[in-house]
Each structure stands twice: as structure tokens, then as C-alpha cells.
Amino acid sequence: ALAAFYGSALPDFMIWNSVEALPWWWKPFESATFTLAAILILPALLAFLFSYAYFKKRVGGVYFSIITLSLASIMSIMI
């Protein structure tokens, strides 16, 4: 759809920033099935890994709150 309108399959912001091709890891996301599965599975997997590490190492109290706040800050900056 983008190629017919803009002459390129890249989104506007990538063209403005002189990006000429999508990264290699973006190719699987052309499939809607893979994308929907990734939307559901990747956050759940990441949450499981962090929570497993928290409980395995018995992180608690102030350290738990510091880690939680830092992860929330990282995610808000990335989004």
C-alpha cells in the first residue's frame, strides 16, 4: 500500500531519515500471523523471564521497587 502511494515500501519517517531498507529482523513482521503471535508471546515471555529472575533470586523490598521503576522508565522512554 505504501509503495503505490509514496513510491517506496518504507514509512515516511524512515524516508525522512535517509533509511533505504528495512532491517533484516523486520522481514518476519510482513506476515500478519507472525506479527499477532509476536504481540502476544514476546511480552509474556519477557515478563516471565523477569519475574522468574525476581523470585529465583528472592529480590524484595527496596531493590524490587528500584528494578520495577527502572524497567518502567526504560519502557516509557522506548515507547
PDB file of N, CA and C in Angstrom:
ATOM      1  N   ALA A   1       0.825  -1.192   0.000  1.00  0.00           N
ATOM      2  CA  ALA A   1       0.000   0.000   0.000  1.00  0.00           C
ATOM      3  C   ALA A   1       0.871   1.259   0.000  1.00  0.00           C
ATOM      4  N   LEU A   2       1.940   1.243   0.776  1.00  0.00           N
ATOM      5  CA  LEU A   2       2.822   2.409   0.816  1.00  0.00           C
ATOM      6  C   LEU A   2       3.551   2.606  -0.501  1.00  0.00           C
ATOM      7  N   ALA A   3       3.930   1.507  -1.145  1.00  0.00           N
ATOM      8  CA  ALA A   3       4.692   1.604  -2.391  1.00  0.00           C
ATOM      9  C   ALA A   3       3.873   2.267  -3.493  1.00  0.00           C
ATOM     10  N   ALA A   4       2.578   2.013  -3.528  1.00  0.00           N
ATOM     11  CA  ALA A   4       1.730   2.605  -4.564  1.00  0.00           C
ATOM     12  C   ALA A   4       1.547   4.104  -4.341  1.00  0.00           C
ATOM     13  N   PHE A   5       1.495   4.526  -3.096  1.00  0.00           N
ATOM     14  CA  PHE A   5       1.224   5.933  -2.795  1.00  0.00           C
ATOM     15  C   PHE A   5       2.494   6.779  -2.762  1.00  0.00           C
ATOM     16  N   TYR A   6       3.531   6.279  -2.108  1.00  0.00           N
ATOM     17  CA  TYR A   6       4.762   7.053  -1.917  1.00  0.00           C
ATOM     18  C   TYR A   6       5.890   6.674  -2.871  1.00  0.00           C
ATOM     19  N   GLY A   7       5.752   5.564  -3.555  1.00  0.00           N
ATOM     20  CA  GLY A   7       6.839   5.104  -4.402  1.00  0.00           C
ATOM     21  C   GLY A   7       7.882   4.314  -3.630  1.00  0.00           C
ATOM     22  N   SER A   8       7.610   4.034  -2.367  1.00  0.00           N
ATOM     23  CA  SER A   8       8.529   3.277  -1.523  1.00  0.00           C
ATOM     24  C   SER A   8       7.720   2.472  -0.520  1.00  0.00           C
ATOM     25  N   ALA A   9       8.229   1.309  -0.137  1.00  0.00           N
ATOM     26  CA  ALA A   9       7.551   0.471   0.853  1.00  0.00           C
ATOM     27  C   ALA A   9       7.890   0.894   2.278  1.00  0.00           C
ATOM     28  N   LEU A  10       8.722   1.917   2.421  1.00  0.00           N
ATOM     29  CA  LEU A  10       9.128   2.385   3.746  1.00  0.00           C
ATOM     30  C   LEU A  10       8.179   3.459   4.258  1.00  0.00           C
ATOM     31  N   PRO A  11       7.969   3.519   5.568  1.00  0.00           N
ATOM     32  CA  PRO A  11       7.169   4.594   6.151  1.00  0.00           C
ATOM     33  C   PRO A  11       7.860   5.954   5.992  1.00  0.00           C
ATOM     34  N   ASP A  12       7.089   7.023   6.103  1.00  0.00           N
ATOM     35  CA  ASP A  12       7.606   8.382   5.928  1.00  0.00           C
ATOM     36  C   ASP A  12       8.820   8.692   6.797  1.00  0.00           C
ATOM     37  N   PHE A  13       8.732   8.372   8.093  1.00  0.00           N
ATOM     38  CA  PHE A  13       9.815   8.758   8.995  1.00  0.00           C
ATOM     39  C   PHE A  13      11.130   8.092   8.618  1.00  0.00           C
ATOM     40  N   MET A  14      11.057   6.912   8.004  1.00  0.00           N
ATOM     41  CA  MET A  14      12.296   6.250   7.582  1.00  0.00           C
ATOM     42  C   MET A  14      12.871   6.921   6.338  1.00  0.00           C
ATOM     43  N   ILE A  15      12.008   7.366   5.451  1.00  0.00           N
ATOM     44  CA  ILE A  15      12.466   8.070   4.254  1.00  0.00           C
ATOM     45  C   ILE A  15      13.079   9.408   4.646  1.00  0.00           C
ATOM     46  N   TRP A  16      12.445  10.127   5.575  1.00  0.00           N
ATOM     47  CA  TRP A  16      12.952  11.429   6.028  1.00  0.00           C
ATOM     48  C   TRP A  16      14.330  11.296   6.661  1.00  0.00           C
ATOM     49  N   ASN A  17      14.589  10.158   7.304  1.00  0.00           N
ATOM     50  CA  ASN A  17      15.871   9.931   7.976  1.00  0.00           C
ATOM     51  C   ASN A  17      16.873   9.191   7.098  1.00  0.00           C
ATOM     52  N   SER A  18      16.622   9.164   5.809  1.00  0.00           N
ATOM     53  CA  SER A  18      17.521   8.566   4.807  1.00  0.00           C
ATOM     54  C   SER A  18      17.773   7.075   5.021  1.00  0.00           C
ATOM     55  N   VAL A  19      16.776   6.374   5.544  1.00  0.00           N
ATOM     56  CA  VAL A  19      16.871   4.922   5.661  1.00  0.00           C
ATOM     57  C   VAL A  19      16.419   4.337   4.330  1.00  0.00           C
ATOM     58  N   GLU A  20      17.229   3.480   3.752  1.00  0.00           N
ATOM     59  CA  GLU A  20      16.933   2.970   2.419  1.00  0.00           C
ATOM     60  C   GLU A  20      16.322   1.576   2.414  1.00  0.00           C
ATOM     61  N   ALA A  21      16.458   0.836   3.507  1.00  0.00           N
ATOM     62  CA  ALA A  21      15.907  -0.517   3.561  1.00  0.00           C
ATOM     63  C   ALA A  21      15.528  -0.858   4.998  1.00  0.00           C
ATOM     64  N   LEU A  22      14.578  -1.767   5.136  1.00  0.00           N
ATOM     65  CA  LEU A  22      14.191  -2.231   6.459  1.00  0.00           C
ATOM     66  C   LEU A  22      15.278  -3.140   7.019  1.00  0.00           C
ATOM     67  N   PRO A  23      15.435  -3.172   8.348  1.00  0.00           N
ATOM     68  CA  PRO A  23      16.429  -4.076   8.936  1.00  0.00           C
ATOM     69  C   PRO A  23      16.039  -5.541   8.691  1.00  0.00           C
ATOM     70  N   TRP A  24      16.998  -6.436   8.776  1.00  0.00           N
ATOM     71  CA  TRP A  24      16.762  -7.857   8.496  1.00  0.00           C
ATOM     72  C   TRP A  24      15.738  -8.468   9.439  1.00  0.00           C
ATOM     73  N   TRP A  25      15.698  -7.994  10.686  1.00  0.00           N
ATOM     74  CA  TRP A  25      14.786  -8.587  11.657  1.00  0.00           C
ATOM     75  C   TRP A  25      13.344  -8.143  11.456  1.00  0.00           C
ATOM     76  N   TRP A  26      13.092  -7.239  10.531  1.00  0.00           N
ATOM     77  CA  TRP A  26      11.743  -6.734  10.287  1.00  0.00           C
ATOM     78  C   TRP A  26      10.979  -7.607   9.292  1.00  0.00           C
ATOM     79  N   LYS A  27      11.683  -8.417   8.494  1.00  0.00           N
ATOM     80  CA  LYS A  27      11.063  -9.237   7.447  1.00  0.00           C
ATOM     81  C   LYS A  27       9.952 -10.156   7.963  1.00  0.00           C
ATOM     82  N   PRO A  28      10.107 -10.872   9.079  1.00  0.00           N
ATOM     83  CA  PRO A  28       9.017 -11.756   9.534  1.00  0.00           C
ATOM     84  C   PRO A  28       7.729 -11.002   9.862  1.00  0.00           C
ATOM     85  N   PHE A  29       7.817  -9.715  10.166  1.00  0.00           N
ATOM     86  CA  PHE A  29       6.637  -8.948  10.532  1.00  0.00           C
ATOM     87  C   PHE A  29       5.772  -8.572   9.335  1.00  0.00           C
ATOM     88  N   GLU A  30       6.165  -8.970   8.134  1.00  0.00           N
ATOM     89  CA  GLU A  30       5.304  -8.789   6.966  1.00  0.00           C
ATOM     90  C   GLU A  30       4.125  -9.754   7.013  1.00  0.00           C
ATOM     91  N   SER A  31       4.253 -10.818   7.790  1.00  0.00           N
ATOM     92  CA  SER A  31       3.175 -11.789   7.966  1.00  0.00           C
ATOM     93  C   SER A  31       2.303 -11.365   9.149  1.00  0.00           C
ATOM     94  N   ALA A  32       0.999 -11.246   8.909  1.00  0.00           N
ATOM     95  CA  ALA A  32       0.082 -10.843   9.979  1.00  0.00           C
ATOM     96  C   ALA A  32       0.023 -11.900  11.077  1.00  0.00           C
ATOM     97  N   THR A  33       0.100 -13.157  10.707  1.00  0.00           N
ATOM     98  CA  THR A  33       0.055 -14.238  11.693  1.00  0.00           C
ATOM     99  C   THR A  33       1.250 -14.165  12.638  1.00  0.00           C
ATOM    100  N   PHE A  34       2.434 -14.003  12.074  1.00  0.00           N
ATOM    101  CA  PHE A  34       3.634 -13.890  12.900  1.00  0.00           C
ATOM    102  C   PHE A  34       3.559 -12.654  13.792  1.00  0.00           C
ATOM    103  N   THR A  35       3.088 -11.548  13.234  1.00  0.00           N
ATOM    104  CA  THR A  35       3.007 -10.303  13.997  1.00  0.00           C
ATOM    105  C   THR A  35       2.067 -10.444  15.188  1.00  0.00           C
ATOM    106  N   LEU A  36       0.882 -11.018  14.971  1.00  0.00           N
ATOM    107  CA  LEU A  36      -0.067 -11.202  16.072  1.00  0.00           C
ATOM    108  C   LEU A  36       0.488 -12.159  17.127  1.00  0.00           C
ATOM    109  N   ALA A  37       1.150 -13.216  16.682  1.00  0.00           N
ATOM    110  CA  ALA A  37       1.758 -14.144  17.637  1.00  0.00           C
ATOM    111  C   ALA A  37       2.861 -13.450  18.435  1.00  0.00           C
ATOM    112  N   ALA A  38       3.672 -12.640  17.764  1.00  0.00           N
ATOM    113  CA  ALA A  38       4.754 -11.924  18.448  1.00  0.00           C
ATOM    114  C   ALA A  38       4.202 -10.919  19.451  1.00  0.00           C
ATOM    115  N   ILE A  39       3.093 -10.265  19.105  1.00  0.00           N
ATOM    116  CA  ILE A  39       2.474  -9.296  20.016  1.00  0.00           C
ATOM    117  C   ILE A  39       2.032  -9.983  21.304  1.00  0.00           C
ATOM    118  N   LEU A  40       1.556 -11.206  21.191  1.00  0.00           N
ATOM    119  CA  LEU A  40       1.082 -11.924  22.371  1.00  0.00           C
ATOM    120  C   LEU A  40       2.198 -12.658  23.118  1.00  0.00           C
ATOM    121  N   ILE A  41       3.116 -13.254  22.386  1.00  0.00           N
ATOM    122  CA  ILE A  41       4.114 -14.129  23.006  1.00  0.00           C
ATOM    123  C   ILE A  41       5.318 -13.373  23.565  1.00  0.00           C
ATOM    124  N   LEU A  42       5.849 -12.409  22.841  1.00  0.00           N
ATOM    125  CA  LEU A  42       7.076 -11.728  23.285  1.00  0.00           C
ATOM    126  C   LEU A  42       6.921 -10.996  24.618  1.00  0.00           C
ATOM    127  N   PRO A  43       5.865 -10.191  24.832  1.00  0.00           N
ATOM    128  CA  PRO A  43       5.736  -9.548  26.150  1.00  0.00           C
ATOM    129  C   PRO A  43       5.539 -10.558  27.282  1.00  0.00           C
ATOM    130  N   ALA A  44       4.782 -11.621  27.007  1.00  0.00           N
ATOM    131  CA  ALA A  44       4.574 -12.641  28.037  1.00  0.00           C
ATOM    132  C   ALA A  44       5.879 -13.349  28.375  1.00  0.00           C
ATOM    133  N   LEU A  45       6.679 -13.652  27.375  1.00  0.00           N
ATOM    134  CA  LEU A  45       7.967 -14.302  27.598  1.00  0.00           C
ATOM    135  C   LEU A  45       8.914 -13.395  28.383  1.00  0.00           C
ATOM    136  N   LEU A  46       8.947 -12.126  28.018  1.00  0.00           N
ATOM    137  CA  LEU A  46       9.797 -11.173  28.728  1.00  0.00           C
ATOM    138  C   LEU A  46       9.357 -11.019  30.186  1.00  0.00           C
ATOM    139  N   ALA A  47       8.049 -10.939  30.412  1.00  0.00           N
ATOM    140  CA  ALA A  47       7.535 -10.830  31.778  1.00  0.00           C
ATOM    141  C   ALA A  47       7.867 -12.079  32.587  1.00  0.00           C
ATOM    142  N   PHE A  48       7.747 -13.240  31.962  1.00  0.00           N
ATOM    143  CA  PHE A  48       8.091 -14.484  32.660  1.00  0.00           C
ATOM    144  C   PHE A  48       9.560 -14.507  33.058  1.00  0.00           C
ATOM    145  N   LEU A  49      10.435 -14.113  32.136  1.00  0.00           N
ATOM    146  CA  LEU A  49      11.870 -14.126  32.435  1.00  0.00           C
ATOM    147  C   LEU A  49      12.219 -13.188  33.587  1.00  0.00           C
ATOM    148  N   PHE A  50      11.654 -11.977  33.570  1.00  0.00           N
ATOM    149  CA  PHE A  50      11.934 -11.034  34.657  1.00  0.00           C
ATOM    150  C   PHE A  50      11.359 -11.525  35.981  1.00  0.00           C
ATOM    151  N   SER A  51      10.126 -12.025  35.962  1.00  0.00           N
ATOM    152  CA  SER A  51       9.524 -12.474  37.216  1.00  0.00           C
ATOM    153  C   SER A  51      10.230 -13.716  37.756  1.00  0.00           C
ATOM    154  N   TYR A  52      10.655 -14.613  36.870  1.00  0.00           N
ATOM    155  CA  TYR A  52      11.405 -15.791  37.314  1.00  0.00           C
ATOM    156  C   TYR A  52      12.712 -15.365  37.983  1.00  0.00           C
ATOM    157  N   ALA A  53      13.393 -14.396  37.375  1.00  0.00           N
ATOM    158  CA  ALA A  53      14.647 -13.911  37.961  1.00  0.00           C
ATOM    159  C   ALA A  53      14.396 -13.249  39.315  1.00  0.00           C
ATOM    160  N   TYR A  54      13.304 -12.475  39.420  1.00  0.00           N
ATOM    161  CA  TYR A  54      12.973 -11.836  40.703  1.00  0.00           C
ATOM    162  C   TYR A  54      12.787 -12.879  41.797  1.00  0.00           C
ATOM    163  N   PHE A  55      11.966 -13.882  41.517  1.00  0.00           N
ATOM    164  CA  PHE A  55      11.628 -14.848  42.555  1.00  0.00           C
ATOM    165  C   PHE A  55      12.746 -15.855  42.799  1.00  0.00           C
ATOM    166  N   LYS A  56      13.512 -16.169  41.789  1.00  0.00           N
ATOM    167  CA  LYS A  56      14.635 -17.100  41.952  1.00  0.00           C
ATOM    168  C   LYS A  56      15.704 -16.493  42.860  1.00  0.00           C
ATOM    169  N   LYS A  57      15.982 -15.211  42.677  1.00  0.00           N
ATOM    170  CA  LYS A  57      16.995 -14.527  43.485  1.00  0.00           C
ATOM    171  C   LYS A  57      16.412 -13.927  44.763  1.00  0.00           C
ATOM    172  N   ARG A  58      15.114 -14.093  44.960  1.00  0.00           N
ATOM    173  CA  ARG A  58      14.409 -13.579  46.143  1.00  0.00           C
ATOM    174  C   ARG A  58      14.628 -12.077  46.337  1.00  0.00           C
ATOM    175  N   VAL A  59      14.452 -11.354  45.240  1.00  0.00           N
ATOM    176  CA  VAL A  59      14.579  -9.897  45.298  1.00  0.00           C
ATOM    177  C   VAL A  59      13.358  -9.360  46.033  1.00  0.00           C
ATOM    178  N   GLY A  60      13.565  -8.448  46.946  1.00  0.00           N
ATOM    179  CA  GLY A  60      12.445  -7.907  47.698  1.00  0.00           C
ATOM    180  C   GLY A  60      12.728  -6.509  48.201  1.00  0.00           C
ATOM    181  N   GLY A  61      11.693  -5.913  48.736  1.00  0.00           N
ATOM    182  CA  GLY A  61      11.819  -4.606  49.363  1.00  0.00           C
ATOM    183  C   GLY A  61      12.208  -3.499  48.412  1.00  0.00           C
ATOM    184  N   VAL A  62      13.171  -2.716  48.845  1.00  0.00           N
ATOM    185  CA  VAL A  62      13.610  -1.545  48.093  1.00  0.00           C
ATOM    186  C   VAL A  62      14.199  -1.949  46.747  1.00  0.00           C
ATOM    187  N   TYR A  63      14.924  -3.058  46.701  1.00  0.00           N
ATOM    188  CA  TYR A  63      15.542  -3.484  45.443  1.00  0.00           C
ATOM    189  C   TYR A  63      14.479  -3.819  44.396  1.00  0.00           C
ATOM    190  N   PHE A  64      13.403  -4.446  44.835  1.00  0.00           N
ATOM    191  CA  PHE A  64      12.305  -4.762  43.924  1.00  0.00           C
ATOM    192  C   PHE A  64      11.707  -3.487  43.345  1.00  0.00           C
ATOM    193  N   SER A  65      11.502  -2.485  44.186  1.00  0.00           N
ATOM    194  CA  SER A  65      10.922  -1.228  43.702  1.00  0.00           C
ATOM    195  C   SER A  65      11.883  -0.490  42.774  1.00  0.00           C
ATOM    196  N   ILE A  66      13.174  -0.528  43.055  1.00  0.00           N
ATOM    197  CA  ILE A  66      14.154   0.127  42.177  1.00  0.00           C
ATOM    198  C   ILE A  66      14.173  -0.538  40.805  1.00  0.00           C
ATOM    199  N   ILE A  67      14.183  -1.867  40.781  1.00  0.00           N
ATOM    200  CA  ILE A  67      14.184  -2.578  39.499  1.00  0.00           C
ATOM    201  C   ILE A  67      12.892  -2.305  38.738  1.00  0.00           C
ATOM    202  N   THR A  68      11.764  -2.315  39.431  1.00  0.00           N
ATOM    203  CA  THR A  68      10.477  -2.061  38.785  1.00  0.00           C
ATOM    204  C   THR A  68      10.423  -0.656  38.206  1.00  0.00           C
ATOM    205  N   LEU A  69      10.864   0.331  38.962  1.00  0.00           N
ATOM    206  CA  LEU A  69      10.859   1.708  38.466  1.00  0.00           C
ATOM    207  C   LEU A  69      11.811   1.890  37.292  1.00  0.00           C
ATOM    208  N   SER A  70      12.961   1.244  37.342  1.00  0.00           N
ATOM    209  CA  SER A  70      13.897   1.384  36.222  1.00  0.00           C
ATOM    210  C   SER A  70      13.352   0.721  34.965  1.00  0.00           C
ATOM    211  N   LEU A  71      12.716  -0.439  35.089  1.00  0.00           N
ATOM    212  CA  LEU A  71      12.109  -1.084  33.921  1.00  0.00           C
ATOM    213  C   LEU A  71      10.958  -0.249  33.366  1.00  0.00           C
ATOM    214  N   ALA A  72      10.157   0.345  34.244  1.00  0.00           N
ATOM    215  CA  ALA A  72       9.067   1.208  33.784  1.00  0.00           C
ATOM    216  C   ALA A  72       9.613   2.435  33.066  1.00  0.00           C
ATOM    217  N   SER A  73      10.694   2.999  33.573  1.00  0.00           N
ATOM    218  CA  SER A  73      11.314   4.155  32.914  1.00  0.00           C
ATOM    219  C   SER A  73      11.868   3.781  31.546  1.00  0.00           C
ATOM    220  N   ILE A  74      12.521   2.639  31.459  1.00  0.00           N
ATOM    221  CA  ILE A  74      13.058   2.184  30.173  1.00  0.00           C
ATOM    222  C   ILE A  74      11.936   2.005  29.163  1.00  0.00           C
ATOM    223  N   MET A  75      10.852   1.376  29.583  1.00  0.00           N
ATOM    224  CA  MET A  75       9.742   1.144  28.652  1.00  0.00           C
ATOM    225  C   MET A  75       9.078   2.448  28.230  1.00  0.00           C
ATOM    226  N   SER A  76       8.930   3.405  29.150  1.00  0.00           N
ATOM    227  CA  SER A  76       8.307   4.679  28.773  1.00  0.00           C
ATOM    228  C   SER A  76       9.197   5.469  27.820  1.00  0.00           C
ATOM    229  N   ILE A  77      10.500   5.362  27.977  1.00  0.00           N
ATOM    230  CA  ILE A  77      11.418   6.040  27.058  1.00  0.00           C
ATOM    231  C   ILE A  77      11.384   5.377  25.690  1.00  0.00           C
ATOM    232  N   MET A  78      11.334   4.046  25.668  1.00  0.00           N
ATOM    233  CA  MET A  78      11.324   3.327  24.391  1.00  0.00           C
ATOM    234  C   MET A  78      10.026   3.536  23.621  1.00  0.00           C
ATOM    235  N   ILE A  79       8.927   3.660  24.334  1.00  0.00           N
ATOM    236  CA  ILE A  79       7.632   3.840  23.659  1.00  0.00           C
ATOM    237  C   ILE A  79       7.475   5.286  23.285  1.00  0.00           C
TER     238      ILE A  79
END
